[in-house]
Amino acid sequence: SGKKREIQYAQMLNGSLPVFSQFG
């Protein structure tokens, strides 16, 4: 709740998306 902020995926140094599945 509260004020909404525009957020997006953080920039990785290698250019990939910082989405990490916890299943391996």
mmCIF file of all heavy atoms, coordinates in Angstrom:
data_MODEL
# 
_entry.id   MODEL 
# 
loop_
_atom_site.group_PDB 
_atom_site.id 
_atom_site.type_symbol 
_atom_site.label_atom_id 
_atom_site.label_alt_id 
_atom_site.label_comp_id 
_atom_site.label_asym_id 
_atom_site.label_entity_id 
_atom_site.label_seq_id 
_atom_site.pdbx_PDB_ins_code 
_atom_site.Cartn_x 
_atom_site.Cartn_y 
_atom_site.Cartn_z 
_atom_site.occupancy 
_atom_site.B_iso_or_equiv 
_atom_site.pdbx_formal_charge 
_atom_site.auth_seq_id 
_atom_site.auth_comp_id 
_atom_site.auth_asym_id 
_atom_site.auth_atom_id 
_atom_site.pdbx_PDB_model_num 
ATOM 1   N N   . SER A 1 1  ? 0.835  -1.185  0.000   1.00 0.00 ? 1  SER A N   1 
ATOM 2   C CA  . SER A 1 1  ? 0.000  0.000   0.000   1.00 0.00 ? 1  SER A CA  1 
ATOM 3   C C   . SER A 1 1  ? 0.877  1.244   0.000   1.00 0.00 ? 1  SER A C   1 
ATOM 4   O O   . SER A 1 1  ? 2.097  1.172   0.006   1.00 0.00 ? 1  SER A O   1 
ATOM 5   C CB  . SER A 1 1  ? -0.919 -0.013  1.217   1.00 0.00 ? 1  SER A CB  1 
ATOM 6   O OG  . SER A 1 1  ? -0.148 -0.073  2.406   1.00 0.00 ? 1  SER A OG  1 
ATOM 7   N N   . GLY A 1 2  ? 0.238  2.409   0.063   1.00 0.00 ? 2  GLY A N   1 
ATOM 8   C CA  . GLY A 1 2  ? 1.006  3.644   0.083   1.00 0.00 ? 2  GLY A CA  1 
ATOM 9   C C   . GLY A 1 2  ? 1.214  4.170   -1.322  1.00 0.00 ? 2  GLY A C   1 
ATOM 10  O O   . GLY A 1 2  ? 0.593  3.744   -2.295  1.00 0.00 ? 2  GLY A O   1 
ATOM 11  N N   . LYS A 1 3  ? 2.137  5.131   -1.428  1.00 0.00 ? 3  LYS A N   1 
ATOM 12  C CA  . LYS A 1 3  ? 2.417  5.742   -2.713  1.00 0.00 ? 3  LYS A CA  1 
ATOM 13  C C   . LYS A 1 3  ? 3.055  4.744   -3.679  1.00 0.00 ? 3  LYS A C   1 
ATOM 14  O O   . LYS A 1 3  ? 3.953  4.014   -3.313  1.00 0.00 ? 3  LYS A O   1 
ATOM 15  C CB  . LYS A 1 3  ? 3.339  6.951   -2.528  1.00 0.00 ? 3  LYS A CB  1 
ATOM 16  C CG  . LYS A 1 3  ? 2.690  8.081   -1.731  1.00 0.00 ? 3  LYS A CG  1 
ATOM 17  C CD  . LYS A 1 3  ? 3.648  9.257   -1.617  1.00 0.00 ? 3  LYS A CD  1 
ATOM 18  C CE  . LYS A 1 3  ? 3.001  10.405  -0.850  1.00 0.00 ? 3  LYS A CE  1 
ATOM 19  N NZ  . LYS A 1 3  ? 3.923  11.554  -0.721  1.00 0.00 ? 3  LYS A NZ  1 
ATOM 20  N N   . LYS A 1 4  ? 2.590  4.755   -4.886  1.00 0.00 ? 4  LYS A N   1 
ATOM 21  C CA  . LYS A 1 4  ? 3.131  3.852   -5.889  1.00 0.00 ? 4  LYS A CA  1 
ATOM 22  C C   . LYS A 1 4  ? 4.354  4.476   -6.556  1.00 0.00 ? 4  LYS A C   1 
ATOM 23  O O   . LYS A 1 4  ? 4.401  5.671   -6.816  1.00 0.00 ? 4  LYS A O   1 
ATOM 24  C CB  . LYS A 1 4  ? 2.076  3.523   -6.949  1.00 0.00 ? 4  LYS A CB  1 
ATOM 25  C CG  . LYS A 1 4  ? 0.909  2.707   -6.395  1.00 0.00 ? 4  LYS A CG  1 
ATOM 26  C CD  . LYS A 1 4  ? -0.031 2.314   -7.502  1.00 0.00 ? 4  LYS A CD  1 
ATOM 27  C CE  . LYS A 1 4  ? -1.172 1.458   -6.975  1.00 0.00 ? 4  LYS A CE  1 
ATOM 28  N NZ  . LYS A 1 4  ? -2.096 1.057   -8.038  1.00 0.00 ? 4  LYS A NZ  1 
ATOM 29  N N   . ARG A 1 5  ? 5.333  3.661   -6.809  1.00 0.00 ? 5  ARG A N   1 
ATOM 30  C CA  . ARG A 1 5  ? 6.523  4.104   -7.518  1.00 0.00 ? 5  ARG A CA  1 
ATOM 31  C C   . ARG A 1 5  ? 6.685  3.286   -8.785  1.00 0.00 ? 5  ARG A C   1 
ATOM 32  O O   . ARG A 1 5  ? 6.333  2.115   -8.834  1.00 0.00 ? 5  ARG A O   1 
ATOM 33  C CB  . ARG A 1 5  ? 7.779  3.925   -6.651  1.00 0.00 ? 5  ARG A CB  1 
ATOM 34  C CG  . ARG A 1 5  ? 7.872  4.874   -5.472  1.00 0.00 ? 5  ARG A CG  1 
ATOM 35  C CD  . ARG A 1 5  ? 9.246  4.760   -4.839  1.00 0.00 ? 5  ARG A CD  1 
ATOM 36  N NE  . ARG A 1 5  ? 9.409  5.666   -3.726  1.00 0.00 ? 5  ARG A NE  1 
ATOM 37  C CZ  . ARG A 1 5  ? 10.559 5.848   -3.071  1.00 0.00 ? 5  ARG A CZ  1 
ATOM 38  N NH1 . ARG A 1 5  ? 11.621 5.160   -3.429  1.00 0.00 ? 5  ARG A NH1 1 
ATOM 39  N NH2 . ARG A 1 5  ? 10.644 6.696   -2.076  1.00 0.00 ? 5  ARG A NH2 1 
ATOM 40  N N   . GLU A 1 6  ? 7.198  3.939   -9.778  1.00 0.00 ? 6  GLU A N   1 
ATOM 41  C CA  . GLU A 1 6  ? 7.515  3.234   -11.007 1.00 0.00 ? 6  GLU A CA  1 
ATOM 42  C C   . GLU A 1 6  ? 8.813  2.463   -10.805 1.00 0.00 ? 6  GLU A C   1 
ATOM 43  O O   . GLU A 1 6  ? 9.863  3.058   -10.583 1.00 0.00 ? 6  GLU A O   1 
ATOM 44  C CB  . GLU A 1 6  ? 7.659  4.220   -12.162 1.00 0.00 ? 6  GLU A CB  1 
ATOM 45  C CG  . GLU A 1 6  ? 6.348  4.846   -12.616 1.00 0.00 ? 6  GLU A CG  1 
ATOM 46  C CD  . GLU A 1 6  ? 5.406  3.825   -13.237 1.00 0.00 ? 6  GLU A CD  1 
ATOM 47  O OE1 . GLU A 1 6  ? 5.915  2.850   -13.821 1.00 0.00 ? 6  GLU A OE1 1 
ATOM 48  O OE2 . GLU A 1 6  ? 4.185  3.987   -13.122 1.00 0.00 ? 6  GLU A OE2 1 
ATOM 49  N N   . ILE A 1 7  ? 8.714  1.146   -10.830 1.00 0.00 ? 7  ILE A N   1 
ATOM 50  C CA  . ILE A 1 7  ? 9.908  0.329   -10.676 1.00 0.00 ? 7  ILE A CA  1 
ATOM 51  C C   . ILE A 1 7  ? 10.023 -0.618  -11.848 1.00 0.00 ? 7  ILE A C   1 
ATOM 52  O O   . ILE A 1 7  ? 9.026  -1.008  -12.454 1.00 0.00 ? 7  ILE A O   1 
ATOM 53  C CB  . ILE A 1 7  ? 9.902  -0.466  -9.348  1.00 0.00 ? 7  ILE A CB  1 
ATOM 54  C CG1 . ILE A 1 7  ? 8.671  -1.347  -9.250  1.00 0.00 ? 7  ILE A CG1 1 
ATOM 55  C CG2 . ILE A 1 7  ? 10.014 0.448   -8.154  1.00 0.00 ? 7  ILE A CG2 1 
ATOM 56  C CD1 . ILE A 1 7  ? 8.636  -2.195  -8.001  1.00 0.00 ? 7  ILE A CD1 1 
ATOM 57  N N   . GLN A 1 8  ? 11.233 -0.952  -12.188 1.00 0.00 ? 8  GLN A N   1 
ATOM 58  C CA  . GLN A 1 8  ? 11.494 -1.841  -13.309 1.00 0.00 ? 8  GLN A CA  1 
ATOM 59  C C   . GLN A 1 8  ? 12.609 -2.788  -12.922 1.00 0.00 ? 8  GLN A C   1 
ATOM 60  O O   . GLN A 1 8  ? 13.221 -2.645  -11.862 1.00 0.00 ? 8  GLN A O   1 
ATOM 61  C CB  . GLN A 1 8  ? 11.893 -1.027  -14.541 1.00 0.00 ? 8  GLN A CB  1 
ATOM 62  C CG  . GLN A 1 8  ? 13.137 -0.173  -14.327 1.00 0.00 ? 8  GLN A CG  1 
ATOM 63  C CD  . GLN A 1 8  ? 13.464 0.697   -15.516 1.00 0.00 ? 8  GLN A CD  1 
ATOM 64  O OE1 . GLN A 1 8  ? 12.713 0.720   -16.483 1.00 0.00 ? 8  GLN A OE1 1 
ATOM 65  N NE2 . GLN A 1 8  ? 14.564 1.414   -15.459 1.00 0.00 ? 8  GLN A NE2 1 
ATOM 66  N N   . TYR A 1 9  ? 12.870 -3.779  -13.777 1.00 0.00 ? 9  TYR A N   1 
ATOM 67  C CA  . TYR A 1 9  ? 13.927 -4.726  -13.492 1.00 0.00 ? 9  TYR A CA  1 
ATOM 68  C C   . TYR A 1 9  ? 15.269 -4.007  -13.404 1.00 0.00 ? 9  TYR A C   1 
ATOM 69  O O   . TYR A 1 9  ? 15.591 -3.145  -14.225 1.00 0.00 ? 9  TYR A O   1 
ATOM 70  C CB  . TYR A 1 9  ? 14.005 -5.810  -14.570 1.00 0.00 ? 9  TYR A CB  1 
ATOM 71  C CG  . TYR A 1 9  ? 12.881 -6.808  -14.487 1.00 0.00 ? 9  TYR A CG  1 
ATOM 72  C CD1 . TYR A 1 9  ? 11.945 -6.926  -15.513 1.00 0.00 ? 9  TYR A CD1 1 
ATOM 73  C CD2 . TYR A 1 9  ? 12.756 -7.636  -13.380 1.00 0.00 ? 9  TYR A CD2 1 
ATOM 74  C CE1 . TYR A 1 9  ? 10.907 -7.836  -15.432 1.00 0.00 ? 9  TYR A CE1 1 
ATOM 75  C CE2 . TYR A 1 9  ? 11.722 -8.550  -13.293 1.00 0.00 ? 9  TYR A CE2 1 
ATOM 76  C CZ  . TYR A 1 9  ? 10.803 -8.648  -14.316 1.00 0.00 ? 9  TYR A CZ  1 
ATOM 77  O OH  . TYR A 1 9  ? 9.776  -9.549  -14.221 1.00 0.00 ? 9  TYR A OH  1 
ATOM 78  N N   . ALA A 1 10 ? 16.043 -4.362  -12.375 1.00 0.00 ? 10 ALA A N   1 
ATOM 79  C CA  . ALA A 1 10 ? 17.350 -3.757  -12.189 1.00 0.00 ? 10 ALA A CA  1 
ATOM 80  C C   . ALA A 1 10 ? 18.280 -4.171  -13.317 1.00 0.00 ? 10 ALA A C   1 
ATOM 81  O O   . ALA A 1 10 ? 18.161 -5.263  -13.879 1.00 0.00 ? 10 ALA A O   1 
ATOM 82  C CB  . ALA A 1 10 ? 17.936 -4.187  -10.842 1.00 0.00 ? 10 ALA A CB  1 
ATOM 83  N N   . GLN A 1 11 ? 19.212 -3.292  -13.649 1.00 0.00 ? 11 GLN A N   1 
ATOM 84  C CA  . GLN A 1 11 ? 20.156 -3.565  -14.723 1.00 0.00 ? 11 GLN A CA  1 
ATOM 85  C C   . GLN A 1 11 ? 21.316 -4.404  -14.218 1.00 0.00 ? 11 GLN A C   1 
ATOM 86  O O   . GLN A 1 11 ? 21.992 -4.031  -13.271 1.00 0.00 ? 11 GLN A O   1 
ATOM 87  C CB  . GLN A 1 11 ? 20.688 -2.242  -15.303 1.00 0.00 ? 11 GLN A CB  1 
ATOM 88  C CG  . GLN A 1 11 ? 19.631 -1.411  -16.018 1.00 0.00 ? 11 GLN A CG  1 
ATOM 89  C CD  . GLN A 1 11 ? 19.080 -2.123  -17.235 1.00 0.00 ? 11 GLN A CD  1 
ATOM 90  O OE1 . GLN A 1 11 ? 19.824 -2.674  -18.038 1.00 0.00 ? 11 GLN A OE1 1 
ATOM 91  N NE2 . GLN A 1 11 ? 17.754 -2.115  -17.378 1.00 0.00 ? 11 GLN A NE2 1 
ATOM 92  N N   . MET A 1 12 ? 21.534 -5.545  -14.840 1.00 0.00 ? 12 MET A N   1 
ATOM 93  C CA  . MET A 1 12 ? 22.663 -6.400  -14.498 1.00 0.00 ? 12 MET A CA  1 
ATOM 94  C C   . MET A 1 12 ? 23.886 -5.962  -15.280 1.00 0.00 ? 12 MET A C   1 
ATOM 95  O O   . MET A 1 12 ? 23.777 -5.392  -16.366 1.00 0.00 ? 12 MET A O   1 
ATOM 96  C CB  . MET A 1 12 ? 22.341 -7.861  -14.835 1.00 0.00 ? 12 MET A CB  1 
ATOM 97  C CG  . MET A 1 12 ? 21.123 -8.408  -14.110 1.00 0.00 ? 12 MET A CG  1 
ATOM 98  S SD  . MET A 1 12 ? 21.465 -8.792  -12.399 1.00 0.00 ? 12 MET A SD  1 
ATOM 99  C CE  . MET A 1 12 ? 22.384 -10.310 -12.610 1.00 0.00 ? 12 MET A CE  1 
ATOM 100 N N   . LEU A 1 13 ? 25.050 -6.216  -14.710 1.00 0.00 ? 13 LEU A N   1 
ATOM 101 C CA  . LEU A 1 13 ? 26.284 -5.831  -15.370 1.00 0.00 ? 13 LEU A CA  1 
ATOM 102 C C   . LEU A 1 13 ? 26.475 -6.556  -16.697 1.00 0.00 ? 13 LEU A C   1 
ATOM 103 O O   . LEU A 1 13 ? 27.085 -6.035  -17.624 1.00 0.00 ? 13 LEU A O   1 
ATOM 104 C CB  . LEU A 1 13 ? 27.483 -6.111  -14.451 1.00 0.00 ? 13 LEU A CB  1 
ATOM 105 C CG  . LEU A 1 13 ? 27.535 -5.265  -13.175 1.00 0.00 ? 13 LEU A CG  1 
ATOM 106 C CD1 . LEU A 1 13 ? 28.758 -5.674  -12.352 1.00 0.00 ? 13 LEU A CD1 1 
ATOM 107 C CD2 . LEU A 1 13 ? 27.581 -3.781  -13.495 1.00 0.00 ? 13 LEU A CD2 1 
ATOM 108 N N   . ASN A 1 14 ? 25.938 -7.790  -16.789 1.00 0.00 ? 14 ASN A N   1 
ATOM 109 C CA  . ASN A 1 14 ? 26.101 -8.547  -18.030 1.00 0.00 ? 14 ASN A CA  1 
ATOM 110 C C   . ASN A 1 14 ? 24.908 -8.390  -18.975 1.00 0.00 ? 14 ASN A C   1 
ATOM 111 O O   . ASN A 1 14 ? 24.813 -9.071  -19.986 1.00 0.00 ? 14 ASN A O   1 
ATOM 112 C CB  . ASN A 1 14 ? 26.320 -10.024 -17.719 1.00 0.00 ? 14 ASN A CB  1 
ATOM 113 C CG  . ASN A 1 14 ? 25.153 -10.633 -16.950 1.00 0.00 ? 14 ASN A CG  1 
ATOM 114 O OD1 . ASN A 1 14 ? 24.144 -9.982  -16.721 1.00 0.00 ? 14 ASN A OD1 1 
ATOM 115 N ND2 . ASN A 1 14 ? 25.303 -11.883 -16.550 1.00 0.00 ? 14 ASN A ND2 1 
ATOM 116 N N   . GLY A 1 15 ? 23.959 -7.521  -18.608 1.00 0.00 ? 15 GLY A N   1 
ATOM 117 C CA  . GLY A 1 15 ? 22.837 -7.244  -19.489 1.00 0.00 ? 15 GLY A CA  1 
ATOM 118 C C   . GLY A 1 15 ? 21.665 -8.183  -19.378 1.00 0.00 ? 15 GLY A C   1 
ATOM 119 O O   . GLY A 1 15 ? 20.658 -7.998  -20.052 1.00 0.00 ? 15 GLY A O   1 
ATOM 120 N N   . SER A 1 16 ? 21.739 -9.204  -18.519 1.00 0.00 ? 16 SER A N   1 
ATOM 121 C CA  . SER A 1 16 ? 20.644 -10.174 -18.392 1.00 0.00 ? 16 SER A CA  1 
ATOM 122 C C   . SER A 1 16 ? 19.587 -9.668  -17.423 1.00 0.00 ? 16 SER A C   1 
ATOM 123 O O   . SER A 1 16 ? 19.800 -8.728  -16.665 1.00 0.00 ? 16 SER A O   1 
ATOM 124 C CB  . SER A 1 16 ? 21.190 -11.521 -17.909 1.00 0.00 ? 16 SER A CB  1 
ATOM 125 O OG  . SER A 1 16 ? 21.785 -11.380 -16.635 1.00 0.00 ? 16 SER A OG  1 
ATOM 126 N N   . LEU A 1 17 ? 18.400 -10.326 -17.433 1.00 0.00 ? 17 LEU A N   1 
ATOM 127 C CA  . LEU A 1 17 ? 17.321 -9.949  -16.521 1.00 0.00 ? 17 LEU A CA  1 
ATOM 128 C C   . LEU A 1 17 ? 17.561 -10.565 -15.149 1.00 0.00 ? 17 LEU A C   1 
ATOM 129 O O   . LEU A 1 17 ? 17.858 -11.755 -15.042 1.00 0.00 ? 17 LEU A O   1 
ATOM 130 C CB  . LEU A 1 17 ? 15.970 -10.425 -17.066 1.00 0.00 ? 17 LEU A CB  1 
ATOM 131 C CG  . LEU A 1 17 ? 15.353 -9.600  -18.194 1.00 0.00 ? 17 LEU A CG  1 
ATOM 132 C CD1 . LEU A 1 17 ? 14.042 -10.242 -18.627 1.00 0.00 ? 17 LEU A CD1 1 
ATOM 133 C CD2 . LEU A 1 17 ? 15.116 -8.166  -17.765 1.00 0.00 ? 17 LEU A CD2 1 
ATOM 134 N N   . PRO A 1 18 ? 17.393 -9.786  -14.079 1.00 0.00 ? 18 PRO A N   1 
ATOM 135 C CA  . PRO A 1 18 ? 17.631 -10.302 -12.727 1.00 0.00 ? 18 PRO A CA  1 
ATOM 136 C C   . PRO A 1 18 ? 16.435 -11.043 -12.168 1.00 0.00 ? 18 PRO A C   1 
ATOM 137 O O   . PRO A 1 18 ? 15.861 -10.667 -11.153 1.00 0.00 ? 18 PRO A O   1 
ATOM 138 C CB  . PRO A 1 18 ? 17.933 -9.033  -11.929 1.00 0.00 ? 18 PRO A CB  1 
ATOM 139 C CG  . PRO A 1 18 ? 17.117 -7.979  -12.607 1.00 0.00 ? 18 PRO A CG  1 
ATOM 140 C CD  . PRO A 1 18 ? 17.100 -8.340  -14.069 1.00 0.00 ? 18 PRO A CD  1 
ATOM 141 N N   . VAL A 1 19 ? 15.982 -12.078 -12.841 1.00 0.00 ? 19 VAL A N   1 
ATOM 142 C CA  . VAL A 1 19 ? 14.881 -12.922 -12.394 1.00 0.00 ? 19 VAL A CA  1 
ATOM 143 C C   . VAL A 1 19 ? 15.451 -14.294 -12.101 1.00 0.00 ? 19 VAL A C   1 
ATOM 144 O O   . VAL A 1 19 ? 16.012 -14.939 -12.986 1.00 0.00 ? 19 VAL A O   1 
ATOM 145 C CB  . VAL A 1 19 ? 13.783 -13.019 -13.484 1.00 0.00 ? 19 VAL A CB  1 
ATOM 146 C CG1 . VAL A 1 19 ? 12.634 -13.888 -12.999 1.00 0.00 ? 19 VAL A CG1 1 
ATOM 147 C CG2 . VAL A 1 19 ? 13.292 -11.634 -13.857 1.00 0.00 ? 19 VAL A CG2 1 
ATOM 148 N N   . PHE A 1 20 ? 15.294 -14.748 -10.870 1.00 0.00 ? 20 PHE A N   1 
ATOM 149 C CA  . PHE A 1 20 ? 15.993 -15.956 -10.450 1.00 0.00 ? 20 PHE A CA  1 
ATOM 150 C C   . PHE A 1 20 ? 15.011 -16.964 -9.862  1.00 0.00 ? 20 PHE A C   1 
ATOM 151 O O   . PHE A 1 20 ? 14.431 -16.731 -8.804  1.00 0.00 ? 20 PHE A O   1 
ATOM 152 C CB  . PHE A 1 20 ? 17.074 -15.620 -9.412  1.00 0.00 ? 20 PHE A CB  1 
ATOM 153 C CG  . PHE A 1 20 ? 17.982 -14.519 -9.878  1.00 0.00 ? 20 PHE A CG  1 
ATOM 154 C CD1 . PHE A 1 20 ? 17.901 -13.269 -9.301  1.00 0.00 ? 20 PHE A CD1 1 
ATOM 155 C CD2 . PHE A 1 20 ? 18.889 -14.732 -10.895 1.00 0.00 ? 20 PHE A CD2 1 
ATOM 156 C CE1 . PHE A 1 20 ? 18.719 -12.241 -9.736  1.00 0.00 ? 20 PHE A CE1 1 
ATOM 157 C CE2 . PHE A 1 20 ? 19.718 -13.714 -11.329 1.00 0.00 ? 20 PHE A CE2 1 
ATOM 158 C CZ  . PHE A 1 20 ? 19.634 -12.464 -10.744 1.00 0.00 ? 20 PHE A CZ  1 
ATOM 159 N N   . SER A 1 21 ? 14.798 -18.073 -10.557 1.00 0.00 ? 21 SER A N   1 
ATOM 160 C CA  . SER A 1 21 ? 13.966 -19.154 -10.041 1.00 0.00 ? 21 SER A CA  1 
ATOM 161 C C   . SER A 1 21 ? 14.725 -19.908 -8.972  1.00 0.00 ? 21 SER A C   1 
ATOM 162 O O   . SER A 1 21 ? 15.930 -20.118 -9.080  1.00 0.00 ? 21 SER A O   1 
ATOM 163 C CB  . SER A 1 21 ? 13.580 -20.120 -11.167 1.00 0.00 ? 21 SER A CB  1 
ATOM 164 O OG  . SER A 1 21 ? 12.956 -21.267 -10.643 1.00 0.00 ? 21 SER A OG  1 
ATOM 165 N N   . GLN A 1 22 ? 14.013 -20.291 -7.923  1.00 0.00 ? 22 GLN A N   1 
ATOM 166 C CA  . GLN A 1 22 ? 14.661 -21.003 -6.830  1.00 0.00 ? 22 GLN A CA  1 
ATOM 167 C C   . GLN A 1 22 ? 14.533 -22.517 -6.955  1.00 0.00 ? 22 GLN A C   1 
ATOM 168 O O   . GLN A 1 22 ? 14.710 -23.242 -5.990  1.00 0.00 ? 22 GLN A O   1 
ATOM 169 C CB  . GLN A 1 22 ? 14.081 -20.534 -5.489  1.00 0.00 ? 22 GLN A CB  1 
ATOM 170 C CG  . GLN A 1 22 ? 14.540 -19.149 -5.096  1.00 0.00 ? 22 GLN A CG  1 
ATOM 171 C CD  . GLN A 1 22 ? 16.027 -19.086 -4.825  1.00 0.00 ? 22 GLN A CD  1 
ATOM 172 O OE1 . GLN A 1 22 ? 16.497 -19.482 -3.771  1.00 0.00 ? 22 GLN A OE1 1 
ATOM 173 N NE2 . GLN A 1 22 ? 16.788 -18.596 -5.780  1.00 0.00 ? 22 GLN A NE2 1 
ATOM 174 N N   . PHE A 1 23 ? 14.184 -23.015 -8.141  1.00 0.00 ? 23 PHE A N   1 
ATOM 175 C CA  . PHE A 1 23 ? 14.133 -24.452 -8.375  1.00 0.00 ? 23 PHE A CA  1 
ATOM 176 C C   . PHE A 1 23 ? 15.302 -24.864 -9.261  1.00 0.00 ? 23 PHE A C   1 
ATOM 177 O O   . PHE A 1 23 ? 15.564 -24.235 -10.279 1.00 0.00 ? 23 PHE A O   1 
ATOM 178 C CB  . PHE A 1 23 ? 12.823 -24.863 -9.042  1.00 0.00 ? 23 PHE A CB  1 
ATOM 179 C CG  . PHE A 1 23 ? 11.649 -24.831 -8.114  1.00 0.00 ? 23 PHE A CG  1 
ATOM 180 C CD1 . PHE A 1 23 ? 10.629 -23.934 -8.315  1.00 0.00 ? 23 PHE A CD1 1 
ATOM 181 C CD2 . PHE A 1 23 ? 11.589 -25.688 -7.035  1.00 0.00 ? 23 PHE A CD2 1 
ATOM 182 C CE1 . PHE A 1 23 ? 9.543  -23.898 -7.469  1.00 0.00 ? 23 PHE A CE1 1 
ATOM 183 C CE2 . PHE A 1 23 ? 10.503 -25.660 -6.182  1.00 0.00 ? 23 PHE A CE2 1 
ATOM 184 C CZ  . PHE A 1 23 ? 9.482  -24.763 -6.389  1.00 0.00 ? 23 PHE A CZ  1 
ATOM 185 N N   . GLY A 1 24 ? 16.009 -25.898 -8.894  1.00 0.00 ? 24 GLY A N   1 
ATOM 186 C CA  . GLY A 1 24 ? 17.113 -26.395 -9.701  1.00 0.00 ? 24 GLY A CA  1 
ATOM 187 C C   . GLY A 1 24 ? 17.096 -27.901 -9.711  1.00 0.00 ? 24 GLY A C   1 
ATOM 188 O O   . GLY A 1 24 ? 16.148 -28.533 -9.246  1.00 0.00 ? 24 GLY A O   1 
# 
